[in-house]
């Protein structure tokens, strides 16, 4: 069953990067199941099993709230991301739940034009498959650096 769903998983991953990079954040929560988990953490925290993160949400409602806050309440310097991601590695499959891992590099471009490598790391995902629809049940963003930039506002 794994190979039958690879295209769905790859499309989900591509859509995830596109909605963030193209400032279509309102579409971002729709890529997750209602009962989901999203976390941005460091490599050492992940390796030690610590559940906290720089960004943490345990429902689609919390993701919607984050987008709303980004649009209406939070004040942060204007910037955009560009995700560069590799192909997914399928780790495990249990019926309609697939565990995958992939690597990412995010370049941040500030309103001034300055570009920096903002984050690198891996995505550790559980993806729920239903018919022709793949959604994140869990996405853990594991950053390689032990320092997460305080300007982290947009999802990684």
Protein backbone atom coordinates (compact mmCIF):
# COMPACT_ATOMS: atom_id res chain seq x y z
CA UNK A 1 0.00 0.00 0.00
CA UNK A 2 2.90 2.40 0.62
CA UNK A 3 3.73 3.12 -3.00
CA UNK A 4 0.08 3.64 -3.94
CA UNK A 5 -0.06 6.69 -1.68
CA UNK A 6 3.33 8.25 -2.40
CA UNK A 7 1.84 10.72 -4.92
CA UNK A 8 -0.79 11.86 -2.38
CA UNK A 9 1.88 12.34 0.27
CA UNK A 10 4.19 14.23 -2.10
CA UNK A 11 1.28 16.50 -3.16
CA UNK A 12 0.49 17.23 0.50
CA UNK A 13 4.12 18.14 1.14
CA UNK A 14 4.28 20.41 -1.90
CA UNK A 15 1.01 22.12 -0.97
CA UNK A 16 2.26 22.67 2.58
CA UNK A 17 5.33 24.55 1.37
CA UNK A 18 3.38 26.47 -1.27
CA UNK A 19 0.70 27.86 1.04
CA UNK A 20 3.36 29.17 3.43
CA UNK A 21 5.74 30.46 0.76
CA UNK A 22 2.93 32.11 -1.23
CA UNK A 23 1.38 33.78 1.85
CA UNK A 24 -1.80 31.71 1.62
CA UNK A 25 -1.73 30.96 5.35
CA UNK A 26 -5.51 30.60 5.58
CA UNK A 27 -5.13 27.33 3.61
CA UNK A 28 -2.44 25.97 5.96
CA UNK A 29 -4.78 24.55 8.68
CA UNK A 30 -6.82 22.75 6.02
CA UNK A 31 -3.83 20.45 5.44
CA UNK A 32 -4.33 18.96 8.92
CA UNK A 33 -6.90 16.66 10.49
CA UNK A 34 -9.22 18.22 13.09
CA UNK A 35 -7.42 16.42 15.92
CA UNK A 36 -3.82 17.09 14.98
CA UNK A 37 -0.47 17.96 16.49
CA UNK A 38 1.97 20.56 15.14
CA UNK A 39 5.20 21.43 16.86
CA UNK A 40 8.43 23.26 16.05
CA UNK A 41 11.27 22.04 18.25
CA UNK A 42 15.03 21.54 18.30
CA UNK A 43 16.96 18.40 17.48
CA UNK A 44 18.12 17.96 21.07
CA UNK A 45 14.63 18.47 22.52
CA UNK A 46 13.22 15.96 20.05
CA UNK A 47 15.97 13.43 20.79
CA UNK A 48 15.30 13.76 24.52
CA UNK A 49 11.54 13.29 24.07
CA UNK A 50 10.59 16.76 25.30
CA UNK A 51 7.06 17.62 24.19
CA UNK A 52 7.34 21.42 24.23
CA UNK A 53 8.16 23.56 21.23
CA UNK A 54 8.63 27.11 20.00
CA UNK A 55 5.29 26.63 18.22
CA UNK A 56 2.86 24.07 19.59
CA UNK A 57 -0.72 23.22 18.63
CA UNK A 58 -2.90 20.19 19.27
CA UNK A 59 -5.92 20.94 17.07
CA UNK A 60 -6.88 22.51 13.78
CA UNK A 61 -8.62 25.20 15.84
CA UNK A 62 -5.28 26.20 17.36
CA UNK A 63 -3.76 26.40 13.87
CA UNK A 64 -6.65 28.63 12.75
CA UNK A 65 -6.06 30.83 15.81
CA UNK A 66 -2.38 31.12 14.93
CA UNK A 67 -3.19 32.29 11.41
CA UNK A 68 -5.72 34.76 12.76
CA UNK A 69 -3.15 36.14 15.21
CA UNK A 70 -0.55 36.45 12.44
CA UNK A 71 -3.00 38.41 10.31
CA UNK A 72 -4.59 40.59 12.98
CA UNK A 73 -2.67 40.78 16.26
CA UNK A 74 1.02 39.95 15.97
CA UNK A 75 3.52 42.58 14.95
CA UNK A 76 6.60 41.27 13.17
CA UNK A 77 8.96 42.46 10.49
CA UNK A 78 7.68 41.64 7.00
CA UNK A 79 9.38 38.59 5.51
CA UNK A 80 8.75 35.56 3.33
CA UNK A 81 10.00 31.98 3.32
CA UNK A 82 11.10 29.71 0.52
CA UNK A 83 11.06 26.00 1.39
CA UNK A 84 13.43 23.57 -0.26
CA UNK A 85 12.42 20.01 0.64
CA UNK A 86 13.56 16.57 -0.41
CA UNK A 87 11.46 13.52 -1.20
CA UNK A 88 9.72 11.76 1.63
CA UNK A 89 11.06 8.64 3.23
CA UNK A 90 8.24 6.29 4.21
CA UNK A 91 9.08 4.84 7.61
CA UNK A 92 5.98 2.92 8.59
CA UNK A 93 2.44 2.30 7.50
CA UNK A 94 -0.49 1.07 9.55
CA UNK A 95 -3.74 0.89 7.58
CA UNK A 96 -4.44 4.51 6.62
CA UNK A 97 -1.77 6.15 8.79
CA UNK A 98 1.67 6.58 7.25
CA UNK A 99 4.75 7.77 9.10
CA UNK A 100 7.20 9.68 6.94
CA UNK A 101 10.29 11.79 7.30
CA UNK A 102 11.76 14.43 5.01
CA UNK A 103 14.38 17.16 5.18
CA UNK A 104 13.91 20.90 4.71
CA UNK A 105 15.82 24.10 4.25
CA UNK A 106 14.02 27.42 4.66
CA UNK A 107 15.46 30.65 3.27
CA UNK A 108 14.00 33.81 4.79
CA UNK A 109 13.88 36.99 2.69
CA UNK A 110 13.29 40.19 4.62
CA UNK A 111 11.45 43.21 3.22
CA UNK A 112 14.90 44.78 2.73
CA UNK A 113 15.91 41.99 0.33
CA UNK A 114 18.34 40.40 2.78
CA UNK A 115 18.27 36.61 2.48
CA UNK A 116 19.41 34.14 5.14
CA UNK A 117 19.21 30.44 5.72
CA UNK A 118 16.54 30.62 8.43
CA UNK A 119 16.17 26.97 9.37
CA UNK A 120 17.21 23.49 8.37
CA UNK A 121 16.02 20.20 9.75
CA UNK A 122 13.57 17.39 9.25
CA UNK A 123 9.84 16.90 9.26
CA UNK A 124 8.58 13.91 11.22
CA UNK A 125 5.02 13.31 10.08
CA UNK A 126 2.04 11.08 10.56
CA UNK A 127 -0.21 11.37 7.55
CA UNK A 128 -3.78 10.15 7.49
CA UNK A 129 -4.93 8.76 4.15
CA UNK A 130 -8.61 8.72 3.20
CA UNK A 131 -9.55 7.87 -0.37
CA UNK A 132 -7.77 10.55 -2.44
CA UNK A 133 -7.02 12.86 0.48
CA UNK A 134 -3.86 12.98 2.58
CA UNK A 135 -3.78 15.17 5.70
CA UNK A 136 -1.27 15.72 8.47
CA UNK A 137 -2.31 14.09 11.72
CA UNK A 138 1.02 15.11 13.20
CA UNK A 139 3.83 17.31 11.95
CA UNK A 140 6.88 17.76 14.12
CA UNK A 141 9.36 20.27 12.71
CA UNK A 142 12.76 19.33 14.10
CA UNK A 143 15.24 22.18 13.62
CA UNK A 144 18.92 21.27 13.41
CA UNK A 145 20.03 24.26 15.45
CA UNK A 146 19.51 24.40 19.19
CA UNK A 147 18.65 28.10 18.73
CA UNK A 148 15.29 29.02 17.20
CA UNK A 149 15.13 32.57 15.89
CA UNK A 150 12.93 34.85 17.97
CA UNK A 151 11.41 36.17 14.73
CA UNK A 152 9.76 32.79 14.15
CA UNK A 153 6.20 33.81 13.37
CA UNK A 154 5.21 31.91 10.23
CA UNK A 155 4.96 28.13 10.41
CA UNK A 156 7.98 26.23 9.21
